[in-house]
């Protein structure tokens, strides 16, 4: 079953927030560059953009902060997207 846009938006918000938190530990210059990438994913809202953002988030060092439910949601979107 296809996820609703609300689910996608919620998921992207999780990714973006996680991205912000993780990148806060690095230099501000690094943060600006990488944050732009993630925001482009969120702004595009195309299925491809969403997938890129999810893949990016799943590979992030800080992704342990994702709950089991959020991880399952990511995997579901990844499989059925």
PDB file of N, CA and C in Angstrom:
ATOM      1  N   UNK A   1       0.841  -1.197   0.000  1.00  0.00           N
ATOM      2  CA  UNK A   1       0.000   0.000   0.000  1.00  0.00           C
ATOM      3  C   UNK A   1       0.873   1.243   0.000  1.00  0.00           C
ATOM      4  N   UNK A   2       0.421   2.258  -0.695  1.00  0.00           N
ATOM      5  CA  UNK A   2       1.218   3.475  -0.816  1.00  0.00           C
ATOM      6  C   UNK A   2       0.970   4.381   0.386  1.00  0.00           C
ATOM      7  N   UNK A   3       2.035   4.963   0.883  1.00  0.00           N
ATOM      8  CA  UNK A   3       1.912   5.859   2.027  1.00  0.00           C
ATOM      9  C   UNK A   3       1.303   7.187   1.590  1.00  0.00           C
ATOM     10  N   UNK A   4       0.548   7.797   2.474  1.00  0.00           N
ATOM     11  CA  UNK A   4      -0.045   9.094   2.169  1.00  0.00           C
ATOM     12  C   UNK A   4       1.027  10.173   2.240  1.00  0.00           C
ATOM     13  N   UNK A   5       0.804  11.327   1.600  1.00  0.00           N
ATOM     14  CA  UNK A   5       1.754  12.445   1.658  1.00  0.00           C
ATOM     15  C   UNK A   5       2.051  12.876   3.093  1.00  0.00           C
ATOM     16  N   UNK A   6       1.061  12.735   3.969  1.00  0.00           N
ATOM     17  CA  UNK A   6       1.272  13.106   5.368  1.00  0.00           C
ATOM     18  C   UNK A   6       2.326  12.200   5.991  1.00  0.00           C
ATOM     19  N   UNK A   7       2.242  10.904   5.693  1.00  0.00           N
ATOM     20  CA  UNK A   7       3.241   9.967   6.201  1.00  0.00           C
ATOM     21  C   UNK A   7       4.625  10.319   5.663  1.00  0.00           C
ATOM     22  N   UNK A   8       4.677  10.628   4.379  1.00  0.00           N
ATOM     23  CA  UNK A   8       5.946  10.997   3.760  1.00  0.00           C
ATOM     24  C   UNK A   8       6.519  12.243   4.426  1.00  0.00           C
ATOM     25  N   UNK A   9       5.666  13.236   4.634  1.00  0.00           N
ATOM     26  CA  UNK A   9       6.122  14.489   5.224  1.00  0.00           C
ATOM     27  C   UNK A   9       6.632  14.259   6.635  1.00  0.00           C
ATOM     28  N   UNK A  10       5.888  13.464   7.404  1.00  0.00           N
ATOM     29  CA  UNK A  10       6.284  13.142   8.770  1.00  0.00           C
ATOM     30  C   UNK A  10       7.631  12.433   8.783  1.00  0.00           C
ATOM     31  N   UNK A  11       7.802  11.509   7.868  1.00  0.00           N
ATOM     32  CA  UNK A  11       9.037  10.743   7.778  1.00  0.00           C
ATOM     33  C   UNK A  11      10.203  11.648   7.409  1.00  0.00           C
ATOM     34  N   UNK A  12       9.973  12.538   6.468  1.00  0.00           N
ATOM     35  CA  UNK A  12      11.030  13.453   6.051  1.00  0.00           C
ATOM     36  C   UNK A  12      11.400  14.388   7.197  1.00  0.00           C
ATOM     37  N   UNK A  13      10.395  14.816   7.968  1.00  0.00           N
ATOM     38  CA  UNK A  13      10.679  15.665   9.122  1.00  0.00           C
ATOM     39  C   UNK A  13      11.572  14.944  10.114  1.00  0.00           C
ATOM     40  N   UNK A  14      11.314  13.658  10.322  1.00  0.00           N
ATOM     41  CA  UNK A  14      12.169  12.852  11.197  1.00  0.00           C
ATOM     42  C   UNK A  14      13.594  12.858  10.663  1.00  0.00           C
ATOM     43  N   UNK A  15      13.727  12.636   9.361  1.00  0.00           N
ATOM     44  CA  UNK A  15      15.044  12.610   8.730  1.00  0.00           C
ATOM     45  C   UNK A  15      15.756  13.946   8.877  1.00  0.00           C
ATOM     46  N   UNK A  16      15.039  15.019   8.571  1.00  0.00           N
ATOM     47  CA  UNK A  16      15.644  16.347   8.605  1.00  0.00           C
ATOM     48  C   UNK A  16      16.059  16.714  10.026  1.00  0.00           C
ATOM     49  N   UNK A  17      15.186  16.426  10.997  1.00  0.00           N
ATOM     50  CA  UNK A  17      15.517  16.727  12.388  1.00  0.00           C
ATOM     51  C   UNK A  17      16.706  15.906  12.854  1.00  0.00           C
ATOM     52  N   UNK A  18      16.716  14.639  12.505  1.00  0.00           N
ATOM     53  CA  UNK A  18      17.829  13.760  12.847  1.00  0.00           C
ATOM     54  C   UNK A  18      19.106  14.273  12.199  1.00  0.00           C
ATOM     55  N   UNK A  19      18.968  14.717  10.957  1.00  0.00           N
ATOM     56  CA  UNK A  19      20.097  15.259  10.203  1.00  0.00           C
ATOM     57  C   UNK A  19      20.657  16.481  10.919  1.00  0.00           C
ATOM     58  N   UNK A  20      19.780  17.393  11.337  1.00  0.00           N
ATOM     59  CA  UNK A  20      20.207  18.600  12.047  1.00  0.00           C
ATOM     60  C   UNK A  20      20.974  18.239  13.311  1.00  0.00           C
ATOM     61  N   UNK A  21      20.384  17.327  14.110  1.00  0.00           N
ATOM     62  CA  UNK A  21      20.995  16.928  15.377  1.00  0.00           C
ATOM     63  C   UNK A  21      22.379  16.331  15.142  1.00  0.00           C
ATOM     64  N   UNK A  22      22.464  15.452  14.153  1.00  0.00           N
ATOM     65  CA  UNK A  22      23.733  14.777  13.874  1.00  0.00           C
ATOM     66  C   UNK A  22      24.772  15.753  13.360  1.00  0.00           C
ATOM     67  N   UNK A  23      24.352  16.652  12.488  1.00  0.00           N
ATOM     68  CA  UNK A  23      25.304  17.568  11.878  1.00  0.00           C
ATOM     69  C   UNK A  23      25.716  18.701  12.821  1.00  0.00           C
ATOM     70  N   UNK A  24      24.959  18.900  13.900  1.00  0.00           N
ATOM     71  CA  UNK A  24      25.299  19.949  14.853  1.00  0.00           C
ATOM     72  C   UNK A  24      26.658  19.700  15.498  1.00  0.00           C
ATOM     73  N   UNK A  25      27.070  18.433  15.568  1.00  0.00           N
ATOM     74  CA  UNK A  25      28.341  18.104  16.195  1.00  0.00           C
ATOM     75  C   UNK A  25      29.508  18.439  15.286  1.00  0.00           C
ATOM     76  N   UNK A  26      29.246  18.569  14.011  1.00  0.00           N
ATOM     77  CA  UNK A  26      30.315  18.859  13.061  1.00  0.00           C
ATOM     78  C   UNK A  26      30.430  20.369  12.850  1.00  0.00           C
ATOM     79  N   UNK A  27      31.374  20.766  12.019  1.00  0.00           N
ATOM     80  CA  UNK A  27      31.586  22.188  11.771  1.00  0.00           C
ATOM     81  C   UNK A  27      30.368  22.803  11.086  1.00  0.00           C
ATOM     82  N   UNK A  28      30.160  24.089  11.307  1.00  0.00           N
ATOM     83  CA  UNK A  28      28.982  24.762  10.755  1.00  0.00           C
ATOM     84  C   UNK A  28      29.033  24.770   9.227  1.00  0.00           C
ATOM     85  N   UNK A  29      30.222  24.870   8.669  1.00  0.00           N
ATOM     86  CA  UNK A  29      30.358  24.861   7.208  1.00  0.00           C
ATOM     87  C   UNK A  29      29.880  23.525   6.654  1.00  0.00           C
ATOM     88  N   UNK A  30      30.292  22.452   7.314  1.00  0.00           N
ATOM     89  CA  UNK A  30      29.880  21.110   6.905  1.00  0.00           C
ATOM     90  C   UNK A  30      28.369  20.970   7.023  1.00  0.00           C
ATOM     91  N   UNK A  31      27.819  21.523   8.099  1.00  0.00           N
ATOM     92  CA  UNK A  31      26.382  21.439   8.342  1.00  0.00           C
ATOM     93  C   UNK A  31      25.605  22.116   7.214  1.00  0.00           C
ATOM     94  N   UNK A  32      26.012  23.316   6.846  1.00  0.00           N
ATOM     95  CA  UNK A  32      25.301  24.069   5.814  1.00  0.00           C
ATOM     96  C   UNK A  32      25.258  23.289   4.504  1.00  0.00           C
ATOM     97  N   UNK A  33      26.387  22.746   4.116  1.00  0.00           N
ATOM     98  CA  UNK A  33      26.465  22.022   2.854  1.00  0.00           C
ATOM     99  C   UNK A  33      25.565  20.803   2.865  1.00  0.00           C
ATOM    100  N   UNK A  34      25.676  19.995   3.904  1.00  0.00           N
ATOM    101  CA  UNK A  34      24.939  18.735   3.943  1.00  0.00           C
ATOM    102  C   UNK A  34      23.457  18.960   4.221  1.00  0.00           C
ATOM    103  N   UNK A  35      23.143  20.010   4.978  1.00  0.00           N
ATOM    104  CA  UNK A  35      21.745  20.299   5.280  1.00  0.00           C
ATOM    105  C   UNK A  35      21.014  20.689   3.995  1.00  0.00           C
ATOM    106  N   UNK A  36      21.701  21.424   3.123  1.00  0.00           N
ATOM    107  CA  UNK A  36      21.109  21.800   1.837  1.00  0.00           C
ATOM    108  C   UNK A  36      20.675  20.554   1.073  1.00  0.00           C
ATOM    109  N   UNK A  37      21.506  19.537   1.096  1.00  0.00           N
ATOM    110  CA  UNK A  37      21.199  18.295   0.387  1.00  0.00           C
ATOM    111  C   UNK A  37      19.915  17.689   0.918  1.00  0.00           C
ATOM    112  N   UNK A  38      19.802  17.624   2.252  1.00  0.00           N
ATOM    113  CA  UNK A  38      18.628  16.994   2.848  1.00  0.00           C
ATOM    114  C   UNK A  38      17.384  17.850   2.619  1.00  0.00           C
ATOM    115  N   UNK A  39      17.531  19.167   2.680  1.00  0.00           N
ATOM    116  CA  UNK A  39      16.372  20.036   2.456  1.00  0.00           C
ATOM    117  C   UNK A  39      15.903  19.954   1.015  1.00  0.00           C
ATOM    118  N   UNK A  40      16.824  19.756   0.088  1.00  0.00           N
ATOM    119  CA  UNK A  40      16.434  19.573  -1.311  1.00  0.00           C
ATOM    120  C   UNK A  40      15.569  18.330  -1.443  1.00  0.00           C
ATOM    121  N   UNK A  41      15.950  17.283  -0.710  1.00  0.00           N
ATOM    122  CA  UNK A  41      15.149  16.055  -0.715  1.00  0.00           C
ATOM    123  C   UNK A  41      13.746  16.357  -0.215  1.00  0.00           C
ATOM    124  N   UNK A  42      13.672  17.091   0.888  1.00  0.00           N
ATOM    125  CA  UNK A  42      12.387  17.369   1.517  1.00  0.00           C
ATOM    126  C   UNK A  42      11.536  18.288   0.641  1.00  0.00           C
ATOM    127  N   UNK A  43      12.185  19.247  -0.016  1.00  0.00           N
ATOM    128  CA  UNK A  43      11.435  20.208  -0.819  1.00  0.00           C
ATOM    129  C   UNK A  43      10.920  19.582  -2.112  1.00  0.00           C
ATOM    130  N   UNK A  44      11.705  18.698  -2.681  1.00  0.00           N
ATOM    131  CA  UNK A  44      11.300  18.078  -3.944  1.00  0.00           C
ATOM    132  C   UNK A  44      10.002  17.306  -3.780  1.00  0.00           C
ATOM    133  N   UNK A  45       9.944  16.509  -2.723  1.00  0.00           N
ATOM    134  CA  UNK A  45       8.774  15.683  -2.442  1.00  0.00           C
ATOM    135  C   UNK A  45       8.438  14.733  -3.570  1.00  0.00           C
ATOM    136  N   UNK A  46       9.395  14.504  -4.465  1.00  0.00           N
ATOM    137  CA  UNK A  46       9.220  13.438  -5.446  1.00  0.00           C
ATOM    138  C   UNK A  46       9.591  12.130  -4.772  1.00  0.00           C
ATOM    139  N   UNK A  47       9.104  11.026  -5.316  1.00  0.00           N
ATOM    140  CA  UNK A  47       9.411   9.728  -4.717  1.00  0.00           C
ATOM    141  C   UNK A  47      10.924   9.511  -4.694  1.00  0.00           C
ATOM    142  N   UNK A  48      11.594   9.945  -5.758  1.00  0.00           N
ATOM    143  CA  UNK A  48      13.050   9.788  -5.841  1.00  0.00           C
ATOM    144  C   UNK A  48      13.733  10.618  -4.756  1.00  0.00           C
ATOM    145  N   UNK A  49      13.260  11.845  -4.577  1.00  0.00           N
ATOM    146  CA  UNK A  49      13.837  12.717  -3.559  1.00  0.00           C
ATOM    147  C   UNK A  49      13.652  12.148  -2.167  1.00  0.00           C
ATOM    148  N   UNK A  50      12.458  11.604  -1.928  1.00  0.00           N
ATOM    149  CA  UNK A  50      12.160  10.996  -0.635  1.00  0.00           C
ATOM    150  C   UNK A  50      13.085   9.806  -0.398  1.00  0.00           C
ATOM    151  N   UNK A  51      13.255   8.977  -1.413  1.00  0.00           N
ATOM    152  CA  UNK A  51      14.114   7.802  -1.280  1.00  0.00           C
ATOM    153  C   UNK A  51      15.559   8.207  -1.008  1.00  0.00           C
ATOM    154  N   UNK A  52      16.028   9.250  -1.688  1.00  0.00           N
ATOM    155  CA  UNK A  52      17.398   9.719  -1.483  1.00  0.00           C
ATOM    156  C   UNK A  52      17.583  10.198  -0.050  1.00  0.00           C
ATOM    157  N   UNK A  53      16.587  10.910   0.449  1.00  0.00           N
ATOM    158  CA  UNK A  53      16.663  11.429   1.805  1.00  0.00           C
ATOM    159  C   UNK A  53      16.657  10.279   2.811  1.00  0.00           C
ATOM    160  N   UNK A  54      15.815   9.280   2.557  1.00  0.00           N
ATOM    161  CA  UNK A  54      15.728   8.131   3.462  1.00  0.00           C
ATOM    162  C   UNK A  54      17.037   7.347   3.453  1.00  0.00           C
ATOM    163  N   UNK A  55      17.572   7.111   2.269  1.00  0.00           N
ATOM    164  CA  UNK A  55      18.832   6.375   2.177  1.00  0.00           C
ATOM    165  C   UNK A  55      19.930   7.142   2.899  1.00  0.00           C
ATOM    166  N   UNK A  56      19.930   8.459   2.728  1.00  0.00           N
ATOM    167  CA  UNK A  56      20.906   9.314   3.398  1.00  0.00           C
ATOM    168  C   UNK A  56      20.780   9.174   4.910  1.00  0.00           C
ATOM    169  N   UNK A  57      19.538   9.207   5.391  1.00  0.00           N
ATOM    170  CA  UNK A  57      19.292   9.131   6.831  1.00  0.00           C
ATOM    171  C   UNK A  57      19.669   7.765   7.393  1.00  0.00           C
ATOM    172  N   UNK A  58      19.372   6.721   6.654  1.00  0.00           N
ATOM    173  CA  UNK A  58      19.663   5.377   7.132  1.00  0.00           C
ATOM    174  C   UNK A  58      21.169   5.141   7.251  1.00  0.00           C
ATOM    175  N   UNK A  59      21.949   5.896   6.477  1.00  0.00           N
ATOM    176  CA  UNK A  59      23.401   5.719   6.482  1.00  0.00           C
ATOM    177  C   UNK A  59      24.086   6.641   7.486  1.00  0.00           C
ATOM    178  N   UNK A  60      23.323   7.532   8.098  1.00  0.00           N
ATOM    179  CA  UNK A  60      23.910   8.491   9.023  1.00  0.00           C
ATOM    180  C   UNK A  60      24.355   7.825  10.316  1.00  0.00           C
ATOM    181  N   UNK A  61      25.474   8.299  10.882  1.00  0.00           N
ATOM    182  CA  UNK A  61      25.992   7.754  12.138  1.00  0.00           C
ATOM    183  C   UNK A  61      24.987   7.878  13.277  1.00  0.00           C
ATOM    184  N   UNK A  62      24.168   8.917  13.254  1.00  0.00           N
ATOM    185  CA  UNK A  62      23.244   9.171  14.354  1.00  0.00           C
ATOM    186  C   UNK A  62      21.913   8.464  14.219  1.00  0.00           C
ATOM    187  N   UNK A  63      21.781   7.572  13.227  1.00  0.00           N
ATOM    188  CA  UNK A  63      20.463   6.993  12.979  1.00  0.00           C
ATOM    189  C   UNK A  63      20.026   6.001  14.046  1.00  0.00           C
ATOM    190  N   UNK A  64      20.865   5.775  15.063  1.00  0.00           N
ATOM    191  CA  UNK A  64      20.441   4.956  16.196  1.00  0.00           C
ATOM    192  C   UNK A  64      19.314   5.642  16.961  1.00  0.00           C
ATOM    193  N   UNK A  65      19.161   6.949  16.734  1.00  0.00           N
ATOM    194  CA  UNK A  65      18.127   7.711  17.424  1.00  0.00           C
ATOM    195  C   UNK A  65      16.737   7.403  16.869  1.00  0.00           C
ATOM    196  N   UNK A  66      16.706   6.793  15.701  1.00  0.00           N
ATOM    197  CA  UNK A  66      15.414   6.411  15.136  1.00  0.00           C
ATOM    198  C   UNK A  66      14.809   5.288  15.967  1.00  0.00           C
ATOM    199  N   UNK A  67      13.547   5.416  16.254  1.00  0.00           N
ATOM    200  CA  UNK A  67      12.865   4.360  17.001  1.00  0.00           C
ATOM    201  C   UNK A  67      12.639   3.153  16.096  1.00  0.00           C
ATOM    202  N   UNK A  68      12.306   2.030  16.705  1.00  0.00           N
ATOM    203  CA  UNK A  68      12.028   0.814  15.930  1.00  0.00           C
ATOM    204  C   UNK A  68      10.878   1.065  14.962  1.00  0.00           C
ATOM    205  N   UNK A  69       9.869   1.795  15.426  1.00  0.00           N
ATOM    206  CA  UNK A  69       8.713   2.091  14.578  1.00  0.00           C
ATOM    207  C   UNK A  69       9.139   2.939  13.381  1.00  0.00           C
ATOM    208  N   UNK A  70       9.984   3.926  13.626  1.00  0.00           N
ATOM    209  CA  UNK A  70      10.445   4.797  12.549  1.00  0.00           C
ATOM    210  C   UNK A  70      11.292   4.017  11.549  1.00  0.00           C
ATOM    211  N   UNK A  71      12.119   3.122  12.070  1.00  0.00           N
ATOM    212  CA  UNK A  71      12.940   2.297  11.181  1.00  0.00           C
ATOM    213  C   UNK A  71      12.051   1.416  10.303  1.00  0.00           C
ATOM    214  N   UNK A  72      11.022   0.825  10.916  1.00  0.00           N
ATOM    215  CA  UNK A  72      10.093  -0.021  10.168  1.00  0.00           C
ATOM    216  C   UNK A  72       9.393   0.795   9.087  1.00  0.00           C
ATOM    217  N   UNK A  73       9.050   2.026   9.430  1.00  0.00           N
ATOM    218  CA  UNK A  73       8.394   2.923   8.485  1.00  0.00           C
ATOM    219  C   UNK A  73       9.341   3.236   7.323  1.00  0.00           C
ATOM    220  N   UNK A  74      10.597   3.489   7.640  1.00  0.00           N
ATOM    221  CA  UNK A  74      11.594   3.756   6.608  1.00  0.00           C
ATOM    222  C   UNK A  74      11.739   2.556   5.681  1.00  0.00           C
ATOM    223  N   UNK A  75      11.826   1.380   6.280  1.00  0.00           N
ATOM    224  CA  UNK A  75      11.999   0.169   5.483  1.00  0.00           C
ATOM    225  C   UNK A  75      10.785  -0.084   4.604  1.00  0.00           C
ATOM    226  N   UNK A  76       9.599   0.152   5.159  1.00  0.00           N
ATOM    227  CA  UNK A  76       8.364  -0.055   4.404  1.00  0.00           C
ATOM    228  C   UNK A  76       8.322   0.876   3.192  1.00  0.00           C
ATOM    229  N   UNK A  77       8.669   2.135   3.417  1.00  0.00           N
ATOM    230  CA  UNK A  77       8.669   3.102   2.320  1.00  0.00           C
ATOM    231  C   UNK A  77       9.740   2.726   1.298  1.00  0.00           C
ATOM    232  N   UNK A  78      10.873   2.232   1.808  1.00  0.00           N
ATOM    233  CA  UNK A  78      11.951   1.832   0.917  1.00  0.00           C
ATOM    234  C   UNK A  78      11.566   0.660   0.037  1.00  0.00           C
ATOM    235  N   UNK A  79      10.829  -0.278   0.614  1.00  0.00           N
ATOM    236  CA  UNK A  79      10.436  -1.481  -0.124  1.00  0.00           C
ATOM    237  C   UNK A  79       9.290  -1.194  -1.087  1.00  0.00           C
ATOM    238  N   UNK A  80       8.304  -0.458  -0.617  1.00  0.00           N
ATOM    239  CA  UNK A  80       7.093  -0.249  -1.416  1.00  0.00           C
ATOM    240  C   UNK A  80       7.113   1.055  -2.202  1.00  0.00           C
ATOM    241  N   UNK A  81       8.139   1.891  -1.950  1.00  0.00           N
ATOM    242  CA  UNK A  81       8.214   3.159  -2.656  1.00  0.00           C
ATOM    243  C   UNK A  81       8.561   2.948  -4.112  1.00  0.00           C
TER     244      UNK A  81
END
